[in-house]
Amino acid sequence: MTQNNQKHNTEKQLQYAQNEVQKAHAELQIEENELLKAKQQEEMEFQQLKQAQQKVKQEQYDVQKAQEKLQRAQEVVMTYQNLQ
C-alpha cells in the first residue's frame, strides 16, 4: 500500500509540475504577444513621427517660399514708390 501511495503521490506531483509548465508556457505566450503588440505600436508611432517631420519640413519650405514672394513684392512696391 505504501508503494501504491508513493506512486500515486509521484503521479500527482508530476501532474502538478506539468500543469505549472503549461501555465508558465501560457504566461510566456501572453507576454510575447504583448511584446509584439508594443513593438507594432512603437513602429506605428515611429512612422507617424516620420510623417510629422516630413510635414514640418514641407511647411518650413512653404514658409520660406512665401517669405521670398513677400520680399519680392516689397521690393516691387519700393521700386514703384521710388519712381513716383
Protein backbone atom coordinates (compact mmCIF):
# COMPACT_ATOMS: atom_id res chain seq x y z
CA MET A 1 0.00 0.00 0.00
CA THR A 2 2.84 2.39 0.79
CA GLN A 3 4.37 1.80 -2.60
CA ASN A 4 0.99 2.43 -4.18
CA ASN A 5 0.62 5.69 -2.21
CA GLN A 6 4.12 6.77 -3.26
CA LYS A 7 3.28 6.07 -6.88
CA HIS A 8 0.04 8.00 -6.54
CA ASN A 9 1.84 10.94 -4.89
CA THR A 10 4.52 10.91 -7.56
CA GLU A 11 1.87 10.94 -10.28
CA LYS A 12 0.12 13.85 -8.54
CA GLN A 13 3.41 15.75 -8.29
CA LEU A 14 4.13 15.05 -11.95
CA GLN A 15 0.67 16.23 -12.95
CA TYR A 16 1.12 19.38 -10.83
CA ALA A 17 4.51 20.03 -12.44
CA GLN A 18 3.03 19.54 -15.91
CA ASN A 19 0.23 21.96 -15.07
CA GLU A 20 2.78 24.51 -13.86
CA VAL A 21 4.76 24.12 -17.08
CA GLN A 22 1.60 24.63 -19.15
CA LYS A 23 0.69 27.66 -17.07
CA ALA A 24 4.18 29.14 -17.48
CA HIS A 25 4.04 28.47 -21.21
CA ALA A 26 0.67 30.24 -21.48
CA GLU A 27 2.02 33.22 -19.50
CA LEU A 28 5.07 33.34 -21.76
CA GLN A 29 2.81 33.31 -24.81
CA ILE A 30 0.79 36.21 -23.37
CA GLU A 31 3.96 38.19 -22.66
CA GLU A 32 5.30 37.51 -26.16
CA ASN A 33 2.01 38.73 -27.64
CA GLU A 34 2.11 41.88 -25.51
CA LEU A 35 5.70 42.50 -26.56
CA LEU A 36 4.79 42.07 -30.22
CA LYS A 37 1.84 44.43 -29.80
CA ALA A 38 4.08 47.02 -28.11
CA LYS A 39 6.65 46.67 -30.89
CA GLN A 40 3.96 47.20 -33.54
CA GLN A 41 2.66 50.25 -31.64
CA GLU A 42 6.18 51.64 -31.44
CA GLU A 43 6.69 51.13 -35.19
CA MET A 44 3.38 52.86 -35.93
CA GLU A 45 4.33 55.82 -33.71
CA PHE A 46 7.73 55.97 -35.39
CA GLN A 47 6.08 56.11 -38.83
CA GLN A 48 3.73 58.85 -37.60
CA LEU A 49 6.72 60.79 -36.29
CA LYS A 50 8.50 60.47 -39.64
CA GLN A 51 5.36 61.72 -41.41
CA ALA A 52 5.08 64.64 -38.99
CA GLN A 53 8.74 65.54 -39.56
CA GLN A 54 8.20 65.43 -43.32
CA LYS A 55 5.15 67.68 -42.94
CA VAL A 56 7.15 70.16 -40.85
CA LYS A 57 9.90 70.22 -43.48
CA GLN A 58 7.32 70.87 -46.20
CA GLU A 59 5.72 73.64 -44.15
CA GLN A 60 9.12 75.22 -43.50
CA TYR A 61 9.79 75.13 -47.23
CA ASP A 62 6.38 76.68 -47.95
CA VAL A 63 7.02 79.44 -45.39
CA GLN A 64 10.42 80.15 -46.92
CA LYS A 65 8.90 80.43 -50.40
CA ALA A 66 6.14 82.70 -49.08
CA GLN A 67 8.74 84.92 -47.40
CA GLU A 68 10.67 85.13 -50.67
CA LYS A 69 7.49 86.13 -52.52
CA LEU A 70 6.72 88.73 -49.88
CA GLN A 71 10.22 90.13 -50.14
CA ARG A 72 9.96 90.38 -53.94
CA ALA A 73 6.58 92.08 -53.61
CA GLN A 74 8.01 94.57 -51.11
CA GLU A 75 10.88 95.28 -53.49
CA VAL A 76 8.39 95.92 -56.30
CA VAL A 77 6.43 98.30 -54.05
CA MET A 78 9.62 100.13 -53.05
CA THR A 79 10.67 100.41 -56.70
CA TYR A 80 7.23 101.73 -57.64
CA GLN A 81 7.28 104.26 -54.79
CA ASN A 82 10.74 105.45 -55.82
CA LEU A 83 9.53 106.02 -59.37
CA GLN A 84 6.82 108.42 -58.23
